C-alpha cells in the first residue's frame, strides 16, 4: 500500500507479522508512519517485526512513533522487533538507545529468533 511518500506491505512469517515500510520518515510522513505501525501493533497480539530496510532515514519524531506503536501494541500483547536497519539508522538507534528498547536484528529471520523484550 502507499500513502503520501510511504509504502508498506505486510506478511505473516513463522507466526509473526512482518511490516516492511519504505520511504523517508520525516515531518511530512511521520503521522502516517505512526498510524501504520500503531494499527498493526494493536491488531497483532504477538510478534511484530518492522523491516526497516526501505527506510532511508528517520527523524526523531519517527523514533517517537516507534515508542508509541510499542505502547499501543503492549496493550494487545504485541512484542515489536526491528530488522534490517541501514548502517546510519542502526547508529541512530544505538545513539538514541532505542536498541535497548527494541530488539534489533540484521535479518528478518534473526528478528524472529530474538527473545522478547
Protein backbone atom coordinates (compact mmCIF):
# COMPACT_ATOMS: atom_id res chain seq x y z
CA UNK A 1 0.00 0.00 0.00
CA UNK A 2 1.08 3.59 -0.47
CA UNK A 3 0.33 6.81 1.38
CA UNK A 4 1.98 10.25 0.99
CA UNK A 5 5.61 9.29 0.45
CA UNK A 6 5.43 5.95 2.29
CA UNK A 7 4.76 2.49 1.07
CA UNK A 8 4.39 -0.64 3.12
CA UNK A 9 3.50 -4.27 2.85
CA UNK A 10 2.69 -6.87 5.44
CA UNK A 11 3.12 -10.61 5.52
CA UNK A 12 2.84 -13.41 8.04
CA UNK A 13 6.07 -15.29 8.53
CA UNK A 14 6.57 -18.06 11.09
CA UNK A 15 3.57 -16.83 13.07
CA UNK A 16 4.80 -13.22 13.20
CA UNK A 17 3.54 -10.14 11.41
CA UNK A 18 6.27 -8.54 9.28
CA UNK A 19 5.64 -4.90 8.38
CA UNK A 20 8.01 -3.58 5.70
CA UNK A 21 7.95 0.20 5.38
CA UNK A 22 9.71 2.17 2.63
CA UNK A 23 10.34 5.88 2.38
CA UNK A 24 11.76 8.78 4.32
CA UNK A 25 10.39 9.19 7.84
CA UNK A 26 10.28 12.93 8.45
CA UNK A 27 7.83 15.64 9.45
CA UNK A 28 5.73 15.06 6.33
CA UNK A 29 5.33 11.29 6.73
CA UNK A 30 5.60 10.63 10.47
CA UNK A 31 1.86 10.82 11.18
CA UNK A 32 1.14 8.12 8.61
CA UNK A 33 4.14 6.08 9.79
CA UNK A 34 2.88 6.23 13.39
CA UNK A 35 -0.64 5.25 12.39
CA UNK A 36 0.50 2.33 10.23
CA UNK A 37 2.72 0.91 12.97
CA UNK A 38 0.25 1.59 15.77
CA UNK A 39 -2.66 0.00 13.97
CA UNK A 40 -0.69 -3.13 13.15
CA UNK A 41 0.73 -3.31 16.69
CA UNK A 42 -2.77 -3.10 18.19
CA UNK A 43 -4.08 -5.85 15.93
CA UNK A 44 -1.08 -8.19 16.03
CA UNK A 45 -1.22 -9.63 19.54
CA UNK A 46 2.07 -11.50 19.07
CA UNK A 47 5.42 -10.81 17.46
CA UNK A 48 5.65 -7.92 15.02
CA UNK A 49 8.84 -7.36 13.05
CA UNK A 50 9.32 -3.93 11.49
CA UNK A 51 11.53 -4.31 8.42
CA UNK A 52 13.50 -1.05 8.22
CA UNK A 53 15.46 -1.89 5.07
CA UNK A 54 13.39 0.52 2.98
CA UNK A 55 13.85 3.47 5.34
CA UNK A 56 16.49 5.89 4.07
CA UNK A 57 16.44 7.99 7.24
CA UNK A 58 14.24 8.66 10.24
CA UNK A 59 13.70 11.86 12.22
CA UNK A 60 13.41 11.91 16.00
CA UNK A 61 9.64 12.01 15.52
CA UNK A 62 9.96 8.71 13.68
CA UNK A 63 11.68 7.24 16.72
CA UNK A 64 8.85 8.55 18.86
CA UNK A 65 6.40 6.81 16.51
CA UNK A 66 8.16 3.52 17.28
CA UNK A 67 7.68 4.18 21.01
CA UNK A 68 4.01 4.98 20.53
CA UNK A 69 3.49 1.81 18.48
CA UNK A 70 5.16 -0.18 21.24
CA UNK A 71 2.82 1.36 23.81
CA UNK A 72 -0.25 0.66 21.67
CA UNK A 73 0.91 -2.89 20.97
CA UNK A 74 1.72 -3.67 24.59
CA UNK A 75 -1.98 -3.46 25.43
CA UNK A 76 -2.60 -6.23 22.88
CA UNK A 77 0.40 -8.34 23.90
CA UNK A 78 2.46 -7.39 20.84
CA UNK A 79 6.26 -7.51 21.00
CA UNK A 80 7.90 -5.29 18.39
CA UNK A 81 11.28 -6.19 16.92
CA UNK A 82 13.25 -4.17 14.39
CA UNK A 83 15.08 -5.72 11.45
CA UNK A 84 17.47 -4.72 8.66
CA UNK A 85 18.27 -1.09 9.51
CA UNK A 86 20.84 0.54 7.23
CA UNK A 87 24.16 1.50 8.92
CA UNK A 88 23.12 5.12 9.54
CA UNK A 89 19.77 4.09 11.05
CA UNK A 90 21.48 1.39 13.11
CA UNK A 91 23.79 4.07 14.53
CA UNK A 92 20.82 6.36 15.22
CA UNK A 93 19.06 3.54 17.08
CA UNK A 94 22.21 2.97 19.12
CA UNK A 95 22.88 6.62 19.94
CA UNK A 96 19.26 7.17 20.98
CA UNK A 97 19.35 3.88 22.92
CA UNK A 98 16.39 2.54 21.00
CA UNK A 99 18.40 -0.63 20.51
CA UNK A 100 17.79 -1.21 24.23
CA UNK A 101 14.06 -0.56 23.94
CA UNK A 102 13.64 -2.80 20.90
CA UNK A 103 15.45 -5.96 19.86
CA UNK A 104 17.30 -5.13 16.61
CA UNK A 105 18.45 -7.77 14.12
CA UNK A 106 20.31 -7.76 10.83
CA UNK A 107 17.77 -10.03 9.14
CA UNK A 108 14.09 -10.75 9.49
CA UNK A 109 14.92 -14.37 10.26
CA UNK A 110 17.19 -13.29 13.12
CA UNK A 111 14.48 -10.94 14.43
CA UNK A 112 12.06 -13.85 14.54
CA UNK A 113 14.53 -15.78 16.71
CA UNK A 114 15.16 -12.96 19.20
CA UNK A 115 13.81 -13.28 22.71
CA UNK A 116 11.07 -11.00 23.96
CA UNK A 117 11.90 -7.62 25.49
